[in-house]
PDB file of N, CA and C in Angstrom:
ATOM      1  N   MET A   1       1.752   4.306  -2.876  1.00  0.00           N
ATOM      2  CA  MET A   1       2.091   5.685  -2.693  1.00  0.00           C
ATOM      3  C   MET A   1       3.596   5.776  -2.849  1.00  0.00           C
ATOM      4  N   TYR A   2       4.004   6.458  -3.906  1.00  0.00           N
ATOM      5  CA  TYR A   2       5.417   6.444  -4.273  1.00  0.00           C
ATOM      6  C   TYR A   2       6.273   7.400  -3.437  1.00  0.00           C
ATOM      7  N   MET A   3       5.979   8.671  -3.461  1.00  0.00           N
ATOM      8  CA  MET A   3       6.790   9.652  -2.744  1.00  0.00           C
ATOM      9  C   MET A   3       5.861  10.644  -2.034  1.00  0.00           C
ATOM     10  N   PRO A   4       5.178  10.226  -0.971  1.00  0.00           N
ATOM     11  CA  PRO A   4       4.264  11.152  -0.297  1.00  0.00           C
ATOM     12  C   PRO A   4       5.023  12.340   0.288  1.00  0.00           C
ATOM     13  N   GLU A   5       4.403  13.504   0.206  1.00  0.00           N
ATOM     14  CA  GLU A   5       5.019  14.694   0.800  1.00  0.00           C
ATOM     15  C   GLU A   5       5.057  14.506   2.313  1.00  0.00           C
ATOM     16  N   PRO A   6       5.913  15.262   3.001  1.00  0.00           N
ATOM     17  CA  PRO A   6       6.104  15.038   4.444  1.00  0.00           C
ATOM     18  C   PRO A   6       4.825  15.015   5.274  1.00  0.00           C
ATOM     19  N   ALA A   7       3.904  15.928   5.033  1.00  0.00           N
ATOM     20  CA  ALA A   7       2.672  15.957   5.836  1.00  0.00           C
ATOM     21  C   ALA A   7       1.839  14.696   5.601  1.00  0.00           C
ATOM     22  N   ALA A   8       1.760  14.255   4.356  1.00  0.00           N
ATOM     23  CA  ALA A   8       1.005  13.037   4.038  1.00  0.00           C
ATOM     24  C   ALA A   8       1.692  11.816   4.639  1.00  0.00           C
ATOM     25  N   LEU A   9       3.007  11.769   4.553  1.00  0.00           N
ATOM     26  CA  LEU A   9       3.753  10.635   5.111  1.00  0.00           C
ATOM     27  C   LEU A   9       3.549  10.551   6.625  1.00  0.00           C
ATOM     28  N   LEU A  10       3.586  11.671   7.298  1.00  0.00           N
ATOM     29  CA  LEU A  10       3.355  11.671   8.743  1.00  0.00           C
ATOM     30  C   LEU A  10       1.933  11.215   9.066  1.00  0.00           C
ATOM     31  N   ALA A  11       0.965  11.680   8.302  1.00  0.00           N
ATOM     32  CA  ALA A  11      -0.430  11.265   8.530  1.00  0.00           C
ATOM     33  C   ALA A  11      -0.579   9.761   8.325  1.00  0.00           C
ATOM     34  N   ILE A  12       0.062   9.236   7.294  1.00  0.00           N
ATOM     35  CA  ILE A  12      -0.005   7.796   7.018  1.00  0.00           C
ATOM     36  C   ILE A  12       0.677   7.014   8.140  1.00  0.00           C
ATOM     37  N   ARG A  13       1.832   7.478   8.564  1.00  0.00           N
ATOM     38  CA  ARG A  13       2.540   6.784   9.652  1.00  0.00           C
ATOM     39  C   ARG A  13       1.728   6.799  10.948  1.00  0.00           C
ATOM     40  N   ASN A  14       1.109   7.928  11.262  1.00  0.00           N
ATOM     41  CA  ASN A  14       0.261   7.981  12.461  1.00  0.00           C
ATOM     42  C   ASN A  14      -0.909   7.009  12.335  1.00  0.00           C
ATOM     43  N   HIS A  15      -1.467   6.918  11.130  1.00  0.00           N
ATOM     44  CA  HIS A  15      -2.574   5.987  10.876  1.00  0.00           C
ATOM     45  C   HIS A  15      -2.091   4.540  11.027  1.00  0.00           C
ATOM     46  N   ILE A  16      -0.914   4.252  10.510  1.00  0.00           N
ATOM     47  CA  ILE A  16      -0.341   2.908  10.651  1.00  0.00           C
ATOM     48  C   ILE A  16      -0.098   2.602  12.130  1.00  0.00           C
ATOM     49  N   ALA A  17       0.477   3.551  12.864  1.00  0.00           N
ATOM     50  CA  ALA A  17       0.769   3.326  14.282  1.00  0.00           C
ATOM     51  C   ALA A  17      -0.502   2.986  15.056  1.00  0.00           C
ATOM     52  N   ALA A  18      -1.585   3.648  14.713  1.00  0.00           N
ATOM     53  CA  ALA A  18      -2.845   3.428  15.426  1.00  0.00           C
ATOM     54  C   ALA A  18      -3.625   2.225  14.921  1.00  0.00           C
ATOM     55  N   ASN A  19      -3.357   1.794  13.681  1.00  0.00           N
ATOM     56  CA  ASN A  19      -4.166   0.751  13.041  1.00  0.00           C
ATOM     57  C   ASN A  19      -3.302  -0.328  12.383  1.00  0.00           C
ATOM     58  N   HIS A  20      -2.155  -0.614  12.956  1.00  0.00           N
ATOM     59  CA  HIS A  20      -1.221  -1.544  12.325  1.00  0.00           C
ATOM     60  C   HIS A  20      -1.791  -2.951  12.156  1.00  0.00           C
ATOM     61  N   LYS A  21      -2.656  -3.373  13.059  1.00  0.00           N
ATOM     62  CA  LYS A  21      -3.240  -4.719  12.913  1.00  0.00           C
ATOM     63  C   LYS A  21      -4.093  -4.797  11.656  1.00  0.00           C
ATOM     64  N   GLU A  22      -4.828  -3.736  11.369  1.00  0.00           N
ATOM     65  CA  GLU A  22      -5.636  -3.717  10.143  1.00  0.00           C
ATOM     66  C   GLU A  22      -4.741  -3.772   8.906  1.00  0.00           C
ATOM     67  N   LEU A  23      -3.662  -3.003   8.892  1.00  0.00           N
ATOM     68  CA  LEU A  23      -2.750  -3.026   7.741  1.00  0.00           C
ATOM     69  C   LEU A  23      -2.112  -4.406   7.596  1.00  0.00           C
ATOM     70  N   ARG A  24      -1.709  -5.007   8.682  1.00  0.00           N
ATOM     71  CA  ARG A  24      -1.114  -6.351   8.602  1.00  0.00           C
ATOM     72  C   ARG A  24      -2.127  -7.364   8.057  1.00  0.00           C
ATOM     73  N   ARG A  25      -3.387  -7.221   8.467  1.00  0.00           N
ATOM     74  CA  ARG A  25      -4.435  -8.116   7.959  1.00  0.00           C
ATOM     75  C   ARG A  25      -4.594  -7.933   6.444  1.00  0.00           C
ATOM     76  N   ILE A  26      -4.594  -6.698   5.979  1.00  0.00           N
ATOM     77  CA  ILE A  26      -4.712  -6.412   4.542  1.00  0.00           C
ATOM     78  C   ILE A  26      -3.543  -7.027   3.789  1.00  0.00           C
ATOM     79  N   LEU A  27      -2.330  -6.812   4.286  1.00  0.00           N
ATOM     80  CA  LEU A  27      -1.135  -7.300   3.599  1.00  0.00           C
ATOM     81  C   LEU A  27      -1.005  -8.825   3.671  1.00  0.00           C
ATOM     82  N   ALA A  28      -1.599  -9.445   4.676  1.00  0.00           N
ATOM     83  CA  ALA A  28      -1.531 -10.900   4.822  1.00  0.00           C
ATOM     84  C   ALA A  28      -2.611 -11.628   4.038  1.00  0.00           C
ATOM     85  N   ASN A  29      -3.553 -10.893   3.478  1.00  0.00           N
ATOM     86  CA  ASN A  29      -4.629 -11.513   2.706  1.00  0.00           C
ATOM     87  C   ASN A  29      -4.013 -12.406   1.627  1.00  0.00           C
ATOM     88  N   PRO A  30      -4.441 -13.672   1.552  1.00  0.00           N
ATOM     89  CA  PRO A  30      -3.842 -14.589   0.579  1.00  0.00           C
ATOM     90  C   PRO A  30      -3.913 -14.084  -0.870  1.00  0.00           C
ATOM     91  N   LYS A  31      -4.988 -13.413  -1.221  1.00  0.00           N
ATOM     92  CA  LYS A  31      -5.116 -12.901  -2.591  1.00  0.00           C
ATOM     93  C   LYS A  31      -4.098 -11.781  -2.837  1.00  0.00           C
ATOM     94  N   VAL A  32      -3.920 -10.908  -1.875  1.00  0.00           N
ATOM     95  CA  VAL A  32      -2.931  -9.831  -2.004  1.00  0.00           C
ATOM     96  C   VAL A  32      -1.542 -10.439  -2.135  1.00  0.00           C
ATOM     97  N   ARG A  33      -1.231 -11.383  -1.276  1.00  0.00           N
ATOM     98  CA  ARG A  33       0.106 -12.002  -1.317  1.00  0.00           C
ATOM     99  C   ARG A  33       0.356 -12.734  -2.638  1.00  0.00           C
ATOM    100  N   ARG A  34      -0.675 -13.436  -3.120  1.00  0.00           N
ATOM    101  CA  ARG A  34      -0.514 -14.197  -4.362  1.00  0.00           C
ATOM    102  C   ARG A  34      -0.394 -13.281  -5.580  1.00  0.00           C
ATOM    103  N   LEU A  35      -1.207 -12.236  -5.633  1.00  0.00           N
ATOM    104  CA  LEU A  35      -1.242 -11.378  -6.820  1.00  0.00           C
ATOM    105  C   LEU A  35      -0.235 -10.227  -6.787  1.00  0.00           C
ATOM    106  N   LEU A  36       0.152  -9.788  -5.566  1.00  0.00           N
ATOM    107  CA  LEU A  36       0.973  -8.577  -5.466  1.00  0.00           C
ATOM    108  C   LEU A  36       2.222  -8.734  -4.615  1.00  0.00           C
ATOM    109  N   GLY A  37       2.330  -9.812  -3.893  1.00  0.00           N
ATOM    110  CA  GLY A  37       3.520 -10.027  -3.081  1.00  0.00           C
ATOM    111  C   GLY A  37       3.525  -9.211  -1.807  1.00  0.00           C
ATOM    112  N   GLU A  38       4.708  -8.838  -1.369  1.00  0.00           N
ATOM    113  CA  GLU A  38       4.881  -8.131  -0.108  1.00  0.00           C
ATOM    114  C   GLU A  38       4.969  -6.629  -0.335  1.00  0.00           C
ATOM    115  N   LEU A  39       4.757  -5.891   0.722  1.00  0.00           N
ATOM    116  CA  LEU A  39       4.886  -4.445   0.678  1.00  0.00           C
ATOM    117  C   LEU A  39       6.315  -4.078   0.291  1.00  0.00           C
ATOM    118  N   GLN A  40       6.433  -3.185  -0.671  1.00  0.00           N
ATOM    119  CA  GLN A  40       7.730  -2.747  -1.179  1.00  0.00           C
ATOM    120  C   GLN A  40       7.873  -1.244  -0.939  1.00  0.00           C
ATOM    121  N   GLY A  41       9.066  -0.748  -1.099  1.00  0.00           N
ATOM    122  CA  GLY A  41       9.321   0.679  -1.016  1.00  0.00           C
ATOM    123  C   GLY A  41      10.561   0.981  -0.204  1.00  0.00           C
ATOM    124  N   GLU A  42      11.061   2.195  -0.398  1.00  0.00           N
ATOM    125  CA  GLU A  42      12.218   2.650   0.345  1.00  0.00           C
ATOM    126  C   GLU A  42      11.896   2.707   1.834  1.00  0.00           C
ATOM    127  N   LYS A  43      12.909   2.396   2.655  1.00  0.00           N
ATOM    128  CA  LYS A  43      12.726   2.392   4.107  1.00  0.00           C
ATOM    129  C   LYS A  43      13.838   3.182   4.775  1.00  0.00           C
ATOM    130  N   LEU A  44      13.513   3.684   5.933  1.00  0.00           N
ATOM    131  CA  LEU A  44      14.519   4.289   6.795  1.00  0.00           C
ATOM    132  C   LEU A  44      15.300   3.183   7.497  1.00  0.00           C
ATOM    133  N   ALA A  45      16.508   3.495   7.920  1.00  0.00           N
ATOM    134  CA  ALA A  45      17.301   2.520   8.669  1.00  0.00           C
ATOM    135  C   ALA A  45      16.727   2.309  10.071  1.00  0.00           C
ATOM    136  N   ARG A  46      16.110   3.366  10.613  1.00  0.00           N
ATOM    137  CA  ARG A  46      15.530   3.308  11.962  1.00  0.00           C
ATOM    138  C   ARG A  46      14.085   3.785  11.928  1.00  0.00           C
ATOM    139  N   VAL A  47      13.402   3.552  13.016  1.00  0.00           N
ATOM    140  CA  VAL A  47      12.036   4.051  13.166  1.00  0.00           C
ATOM    141  C   VAL A  47      12.115   5.582  13.151  1.00  0.00           C
ATOM    142  N   PRO A  48      11.193   6.240  12.460  1.00  0.00           N
ATOM    143  CA  PRO A  48      11.267   7.704  12.379  1.00  0.00           C
ATOM    144  C   PRO A  48      11.092   8.381  13.738  1.00  0.00           C
ATOM    145  N   ILE A  49      11.659   9.572  13.837  1.00  0.00           N
ATOM    146  CA  ILE A  49      11.543  10.372  15.056  1.00  0.00           C
ATOM    147  C   ILE A  49      10.063  10.578  15.369  1.00  0.00           C
ATOM    148  N   GLY A  50       9.744  10.447  16.643  1.00  0.00           N
ATOM    149  CA  GLY A  50       8.367  10.633  17.081  1.00  0.00           C
ATOM    150  C   GLY A  50       7.645   9.316  17.332  1.00  0.00           C
ATOM    151  N   PHE A  51       8.278   8.204  16.943  1.00  0.00           N
ATOM    152  CA  PHE A  51       7.692   6.875  17.158  1.00  0.00           C
ATOM    153  C   PHE A  51       8.662   6.031  17.971  1.00  0.00           C
ATOM    154  N   ALA A  52       8.130   5.274  18.885  1.00  0.00           N
ATOM    155  CA  ALA A  52       8.976   4.427  19.740  1.00  0.00           C
ATOM    156  C   ALA A  52       9.649   3.341  18.913  1.00  0.00           C
ATOM    157  N   SER A  53      10.910   3.099  19.189  1.00  0.00           N
ATOM    158  CA  SER A  53      11.645   2.080  18.438  1.00  0.00           C
ATOM    159  C   SER A  53      11.091   0.676  18.682  1.00  0.00           C
ATOM    160  N   ASP A  54      10.372   0.502  19.789  1.00  0.00           N
ATOM    161  CA  ASP A  54       9.794  -0.806  20.085  1.00  0.00           C
ATOM    162  C   ASP A  54       8.292  -0.863  19.762  1.00  0.00           C
ATOM    163  N   HIS A  55       7.816   0.097  18.986  1.00  0.00           N
ATOM    164  CA  HIS A  55       6.400   0.100  18.592  1.00  0.00           C
ATOM    165  C   HIS A  55       6.096  -1.196  17.838  1.00  0.00           C
ATOM    166  N   PRO A  56       4.926  -1.798  18.052  1.00  0.00           N
ATOM    167  CA  PRO A  56       4.592  -3.049  17.355  1.00  0.00           C
ATOM    168  C   PRO A  56       4.577  -2.917  15.831  1.00  0.00           C
ATOM    169  N   ALA A  57       4.483  -1.694  15.327  1.00  0.00           N
ATOM    170  CA  ALA A  57       4.487  -1.478  13.873  1.00  0.00           C
ATOM    171  C   ALA A  57       5.802  -0.857  13.405  1.00  0.00           C
ATOM    172  N   ALA A  58       6.847  -0.980  14.184  1.00  0.00           N
ATOM    173  CA  ALA A  58       8.129  -0.349  13.852  1.00  0.00           C
ATOM    174  C   ALA A  58       8.590  -0.694  12.440  1.00  0.00           C
ATOM    175  N   ASP A  59       8.423  -1.941  12.033  1.00  0.00           N
ATOM    176  CA  ASP A  59       8.849  -2.351  10.691  1.00  0.00           C
ATOM    177  C   ASP A  59       8.054  -1.626   9.607  1.00  0.00           C
ATOM    178  N   LEU A  60       6.782  -1.370   9.837  1.00  0.00           N
ATOM    179  CA  LEU A  60       5.938  -0.680   8.865  1.00  0.00           C
ATOM    180  C   LEU A  60       6.174   0.833   8.885  1.00  0.00           C
ATOM    181  N   LEU A  61       6.465   1.367  10.048  1.00  0.00           N
ATOM    182  CA  LEU A  61       6.684   2.806  10.177  1.00  0.00           C
ATOM    183  C   LEU A  61       7.962   3.270   9.494  1.00  0.00           C
ATOM    184  N   ARG A  62       8.885   2.374   9.270  1.00  0.00           N
ATOM    185  CA  ARG A  62      10.147   2.719   8.589  1.00  0.00           C
ATOM    186  C   ARG A  62       9.950   2.990   7.102  1.00  0.00           C
ATOM    187  N   PHE A  63       8.843   2.543   6.529  1.00  0.00           N
ATOM    188  CA  PHE A  63       8.625   2.751   5.089  1.00  0.00           C
ATOM    189  C   PHE A  63       8.470   4.232   4.768  1.00  0.00           C
ATOM    190  N   LYS A  64       9.090   4.654   3.658  1.00  0.00           N
ATOM    191  CA  LYS A  64       8.911   6.003   3.120  1.00  0.00           C
ATOM    192  C   LYS A  64       8.013   5.961   1.883  1.00  0.00           C
ATOM    193  N   GLN A  65       7.870   4.780   1.334  1.00  0.00           N
ATOM    194  CA  GLN A  65       7.018   4.531   0.171  1.00  0.00           C
ATOM    195  C   GLN A  65       6.200   3.285   0.491  1.00  0.00           C
ATOM    196  N   PHE A  66       5.002   3.212  -0.077  1.00  0.00           N
ATOM    197  CA  PHE A  66       4.110   2.080   0.199  1.00  0.00           C
ATOM    198  C   PHE A  66       3.643   1.538  -1.142  1.00  0.00           C
ATOM    199  N   ILE A  67       4.271   0.454  -1.585  1.00  0.00           N
ATOM    200  CA  ILE A  67       4.063  -0.006  -2.954  1.00  0.00           C
ATOM    201  C   ILE A  67       3.719  -1.492  -2.970  1.00  0.00           C
ATOM    202  N   LEU A  68       2.652  -1.818  -3.669  1.00  0.00           N
ATOM    203  CA  LEU A  68       2.330  -3.200  -4.024  1.00  0.00           C
ATOM    204  C   LEU A  68       2.347  -3.261  -5.542  1.00  0.00           C
ATOM    205  N   TYR A  69       3.017  -4.238  -6.084  1.00  0.00           N
ATOM    206  CA  TYR A  69       3.048  -4.347  -7.536  1.00  0.00           C
ATOM    207  C   TYR A  69       3.324  -5.782  -7.955  1.00  0.00           C
ATOM    208  N   ALA A  70       3.111  -6.020  -9.230  1.00  0.00           N
ATOM    209  CA  ALA A  70       3.383  -7.340  -9.794  1.00  0.00           C
ATOM    210  C   ALA A  70       3.963  -7.167 -11.185  1.00  0.00           C
ATOM    211  N   VAL A  71       4.834  -8.078 -11.550  1.00  0.00           N
ATOM    212  CA  VAL A  71       5.367  -8.129 -12.908  1.00  0.00           C
ATOM    213  C   VAL A  71       4.718  -9.328 -13.575  1.00  0.00           C
ATOM    214  N   LEU A  72       4.023  -9.068 -14.657  1.00  0.00           N
ATOM    215  CA  LEU A  72       3.353 -10.145 -15.387  1.00  0.00           C
ATOM    216  C   LEU A  72       4.232 -10.609 -16.539  1.00  0.00           C
ATOM    217  N   PRO A  73       4.071 -11.842 -16.964  1.00  0.00           N
ATOM    218  CA  PRO A  73       4.838 -12.328 -18.103  1.00  0.00           C
ATOM    219  C   PRO A  73       4.528 -11.470 -19.341  1.00  0.00           C
ATOM    220  N   PRO A  74       5.514 -11.188 -20.171  1.00  0.00           N
ATOM    221  CA  PRO A  74       5.309 -10.330 -21.343  1.00  0.00           C
ATOM    222  C   PRO A  74       4.174 -10.791 -22.257  1.00  0.00           C
ATOM    223  N   GLU A  75       4.004 -12.091 -22.381  1.00  0.00           N
ATOM    224  CA  GLU A  75       2.970 -12.594 -23.293  1.00  0.00           C
ATOM    225  C   GLU A  75       1.551 -12.235 -22.834  1.00  0.00           C
ATOM    226  N   VAL A  76       1.380 -11.942 -21.556  1.00  0.00           N
ATOM    227  CA  VAL A  76       0.069 -11.546 -21.055  1.00  0.00           C
ATOM    228  C   VAL A  76      -0.340 -10.190 -21.632  1.00  0.00           C
ATOM    229  N   ALA A  77       0.645  -9.318 -21.872  1.00  0.00           N
ATOM    230  CA  ALA A  77       0.364  -7.961 -22.356  1.00  0.00           C
ATOM    231  C   ALA A  77      -0.372  -7.953 -23.690  1.00  0.00           C
ATOM    232  N   THR A  78      -0.186  -8.962 -24.497  1.00  0.00           N
ATOM    233  CA  THR A  78      -0.828  -8.995 -25.816  1.00  0.00           C
ATOM    234  C   THR A  78      -1.940 -10.030 -25.899  1.00  0.00           C
ATOM    235  N   SER A  79      -2.346 -10.530 -24.742  1.00  0.00           N
ATOM    236  CA  SER A  79      -3.393 -11.546 -24.734  1.00  0.00           C
ATOM    237  C   SER A  79      -4.701 -10.948 -24.227  1.00  0.00           C
ATOM    238  N   PRO A  80      -5.813 -11.608 -24.504  1.00  0.00           N
ATOM    239  CA  PRO A  80      -7.095 -11.139 -23.977  1.00  0.00           C
ATOM    240  C   PRO A  80      -7.149 -11.193 -22.440  1.00  0.00           C
ATOM    241  N   ALA A  81      -6.240 -11.914 -21.812  1.00  0.00           N
ATOM    242  CA  ALA A  81      -6.228 -12.069 -20.360  1.00  0.00           C
ATOM    243  C   ALA A  81      -5.704 -10.830 -19.636  1.00  0.00           C
ATOM    244  N   VAL A  82      -5.074  -9.912 -20.341  1.00  0.00           N
ATOM    245  CA  VAL A  82      -4.426  -8.770 -19.685  1.00  0.00           C
ATOM    246  C   VAL A  82      -5.417  -7.945 -18.865  1.00  0.00           C
ATOM    247  N   TYR A  83      -6.585  -7.694 -19.402  1.00  0.00           N
ATOM    248  CA  TYR A  83      -7.572  -6.882 -18.688  1.00  0.00           C
ATOM    249  C   TYR A  83      -7.948  -7.541 -17.360  1.00  0.00           C
ATOM    250  N   GLY A  84      -8.261  -8.807 -17.383  1.00  0.00           N
ATOM    251  CA  GLY A  84      -8.630  -9.523 -16.161  1.00  0.00           C
ATOM    252  C   GLY A  84      -7.499  -9.559 -15.149  1.00  0.00           C
ATOM    253  N   GLU A  85      -6.280  -9.749 -15.619  1.00  0.00           N
ATOM    254  CA  GLU A  85      -5.123  -9.787 -14.723  1.00  0.00           C
ATOM    255  C   GLU A  85      -4.951  -8.448 -14.004  1.00  0.00           C
ATOM    256  N   ILE A  86      -5.111  -7.370 -14.736  1.00  0.00           N
ATOM    257  CA  ILE A  86      -4.955  -6.034 -14.142  1.00  0.00           C
ATOM    258  C   ILE A  86      -6.096  -5.739 -13.177  1.00  0.00           C
ATOM    259  N   VAL A  87      -7.320  -6.017 -13.601  1.00  0.00           N
ATOM    260  CA  VAL A  87      -8.481  -5.750 -12.735  1.00  0.00           C
ATOM    261  C   VAL A  87      -8.398  -6.574 -11.452  1.00  0.00           C
ATOM    262  N   ASP A  88      -8.006  -7.836 -11.555  1.00  0.00           N
ATOM    263  CA  ASP A  88      -7.867  -8.681 -10.355  1.00  0.00           C
ATOM    264  C   ASP A  88      -6.891  -8.064  -9.357  1.00  0.00           C
ATOM    265  N   ARG A  89      -5.788  -7.534  -9.860  1.00  0.00           N
ATOM    266  CA  ARG A  89      -4.788  -6.953  -8.976  1.00  0.00           C
ATOM    267  C   ARG A  89      -5.273  -5.651  -8.347  1.00  0.00           C
ATOM    268  N   PHE A  90      -5.947  -4.824  -9.132  1.00  0.00           N
ATOM    269  CA  PHE A  90      -6.473  -3.584  -8.556  1.00  0.00           C
ATOM    270  C   PHE A  90      -7.555  -3.878  -7.525  1.00  0.00           C
ATOM    271  N   ARG A  91      -8.377  -4.861  -7.771  1.00  0.00           N
ATOM    272  CA  ARG A  91      -9.407  -5.214  -6.781  1.00  0.00           C
ATOM    273  C   ARG A  91      -8.769  -5.723  -5.492  1.00  0.00           C
ATOM    274  N   ALA A  92      -7.731  -6.533  -5.625  1.00  0.00           N
ATOM    275  CA  ALA A  92      -7.036  -7.038  -4.437  1.00  0.00           C
ATOM    276  C   ALA A  92      -6.365  -5.894  -3.678  1.00  0.00           C
ATOM    277  N   MET A  93      -5.925  -4.867  -4.401  1.00  0.00           N
ATOM    278  CA  MET A  93      -5.207  -3.752  -3.816  1.00  0.00           C
ATOM    279  C   MET A  93      -6.130  -2.698  -3.176  1.00  0.00           C
ATOM    280  N   MET A  94      -7.414  -2.724  -3.488  1.00  0.00           N
ATOM    281  CA  MET A  94      -8.312  -1.661  -3.029  1.00  0.00           C
ATOM    282  C   MET A  94      -8.346  -1.475  -1.508  1.00  0.00           C
ATOM    283  N   PRO A  95      -8.373  -2.518  -0.688  1.00  0.00           N
ATOM    284  CA  PRO A  95      -8.336  -2.281   0.766  1.00  0.00           C
ATOM    285  C   PRO A  95      -7.051  -1.558   1.203  1.00  0.00           C
ATOM    286  N   PHE A  96      -5.949  -1.872   0.547  1.00  0.00           N
ATOM    287  CA  PHE A  96      -4.670  -1.215   0.818  1.00  0.00           C
ATOM    288  C   PHE A  96      -4.752   0.270   0.450  1.00  0.00           C
ATOM    289  N   LEU A  97      -5.309   0.565  -0.726  1.00  0.00           N
ATOM    290  CA  LEU A  97      -5.468   1.960  -1.147  1.00  0.00           C
ATOM    291  C   LEU A  97      -6.371   2.727  -0.189  1.00  0.00           C
ATOM    292  N   ARG A  98      -7.457   2.099   0.202  1.00  0.00           N
ATOM    293  CA  ARG A  98      -8.370   2.752   1.148  1.00  0.00           C
ATOM    294  C   ARG A  98      -7.671   3.034   2.479  1.00  0.00           C
ATOM    295  N   PHE A  99      -6.882   2.076   2.937  1.00  0.00           N
ATOM    296  CA  PHE A  99      -6.162   2.255   4.197  1.00  0.00           C
ATOM    297  C   PHE A  99      -5.208   3.446   4.092  1.00  0.00           C
ATOM    298  N   LEU A 100      -4.423   3.513   3.017  1.00  0.00           N
ATOM    299  CA  LEU A 100      -3.469   4.612   2.861  1.00  0.00           C
ATOM    300  C   LEU A 100      -4.164   5.957   2.684  1.00  0.00           C
ATOM    301  N   ASN A 101      -5.315   5.961   2.061  1.00  0.00           N
ATOM    302  CA  ASN A 101      -6.066   7.193   1.828  1.00  0.00           C
ATOM    303  C   ASN A 101      -6.796   7.700   3.066  1.00  0.00           C
ATOM    304  N   ALA A 102      -7.116   6.819   3.995  1.00  0.00           N
ATOM    305  CA  ALA A 102      -7.954   7.180   5.143  1.00  0.00           C
ATOM    306  C   ALA A 102      -7.475   8.428   5.897  1.00  0.00           C
ATOM    307  N   PRO A 103      -6.183   8.592   6.169  1.00  0.00           N
ATOM    308  CA  PRO A 103      -5.772   9.758   6.941  1.00  0.00           C
ATOM    309  C   PRO A 103      -5.549  11.028   6.113  1.00  0.00           C
ATOM    310  N   LEU A 104      -5.698  10.946   4.810  1.00  0.00           N
ATOM    311  CA  LEU A 104      -5.402  12.088   3.950  1.00  0.00           C
ATOM    312  C   LEU A 104      -6.604  13.003   3.778  1.00  0.00           C
ATOM    313  N   PRO A 105      -6.358  14.291   3.574  1.00  0.00           N
ATOM    314  CA  PRO A 105      -7.467  15.203   3.294  1.00  0.00           C
ATOM    315  C   PRO A 105      -8.193  14.774   2.019  1.00  0.00           C
ATOM    316  N   LYS A 106      -9.467  15.051   1.954  1.00  0.00           N
ATOM    317  CA  LYS A 106     -10.301  14.586   0.841  1.00  0.00           C
ATOM    318  C   LYS A 106      -9.710  14.923  -0.528  1.00  0.00           C
ATOM    319  N   GLU A 107      -9.169  16.115  -0.711  1.00  0.00           N
ATOM    320  CA  GLU A 107      -8.653  16.504  -2.030  1.00  0.00           C
ATOM    321  C   GLU A 107      -7.414  15.723  -2.446  1.00  0.00           C
ATOM    322  N   ARG A 108      -6.773  15.020  -1.516  1.00  0.00           N
ATOM    323  CA  ARG A 108      -5.566  14.244  -1.831  1.00  0.00           C
ATOM    324  C   ARG A 108      -5.850  12.769  -2.047  1.00  0.00           C
ATOM    325  N   LYS A 109      -7.083  12.338  -1.798  1.00  0.00           N
ATOM    326  CA  LYS A 109      -7.398  10.920  -1.876  1.00  0.00           C
ATOM    327  C   LYS A 109      -7.553  10.459  -3.317  1.00  0.00           C
ATOM    328  N   ILE A 110      -7.177   9.203  -3.548  1.00  0.00           N
ATOM    329  CA  ILE A 110      -7.374   8.549  -4.837  1.00  0.00           C
ATOM    330  C   ILE A 110      -8.673   7.778  -4.742  1.00  0.00           C
ATOM    331  N   ASP A 111      -9.567   7.995  -5.673  1.00  0.00           N
ATOM    332  CA  ASP A 111     -10.804   7.216  -5.703  1.00  0.00           C
ATOM    333  C   ASP A 111     -10.506   5.919  -6.431  1.00  0.00           C
ATOM    334  N   ALA A 112     -10.404   4.838  -5.678  1.00  0.00           N
ATOM    335  CA  ALA A 112     -10.041   3.538  -6.253  1.00  0.00           C
ATOM    336  C   ALA A 112     -11.014   3.109  -7.339  1.00  0.00           C
ATOM    337  N   ARG A 113     -12.278   3.550  -7.258  1.00  0.00           N
ATOM    338  CA  ARG A 113     -13.242   3.190  -8.301  1.00  0.00           C
ATOM    339  C   ARG A 113     -12.827   3.747  -9.649  1.00  0.00           C
ATOM    340  N   ASP A 114     -12.145   4.907  -9.660  1.00  0.00           N
ATOM    341  CA  ASP A 114     -11.669   5.485 -10.914  1.00  0.00           C
ATOM    342  C   ASP A 114     -10.627   4.611 -11.571  1.00  0.00           C
ATOM    343  N   LEU A 115      -9.895   3.856 -10.772  1.00  0.00           N
ATOM    344  CA  LEU A 115      -8.869   2.990 -11.325  1.00  0.00           C
ATOM    345  C   LEU A 115      -9.452   1.793 -12.068  1.00  0.00           C
ATOM    346  N   LEU A 116     -10.669   1.415 -11.706  1.00  0.00           N
ATOM    347  CA  LEU A 116     -11.293   0.241 -12.314  1.00  0.00           C
ATOM    348  C   LEU A 116     -12.284   0.606 -13.418  1.00  0.00           C
ATOM    349  N   GLY A 117     -12.592   1.870 -13.567  1.00  0.00           N
ATOM    350  CA  GLY A 117     -13.480   2.310 -14.654  1.00  0.00           C
ATOM    351  C   GLY A 117     -14.901   2.045 -14.454  1.00  0.00           C
TER     352      GLY A 117
END
């Protein structure tokens, strides 16, 4: 999620605050770490207003963007392996997408199945 609007960002942060162990489990999954690395995105310097600075998810609540990505070697782009590499990463990312989508209104959700065709 690149630049969620304020209402969506607040909903996601509230969801993270209530379910941070689940998000940490998703991000710690060996396949996610191997294929996509660590959670990326712009962060606030401090925990946002409305959340305790000592909240167990304080580090996650500071995020303004929630991004998992990978850079593949250029030669993969022109090889038959490109499709499998992309599908593997989207499959690994699906629990993360579902987690971020959970607090959003239905019309704002991304159907991860559409990403895989």
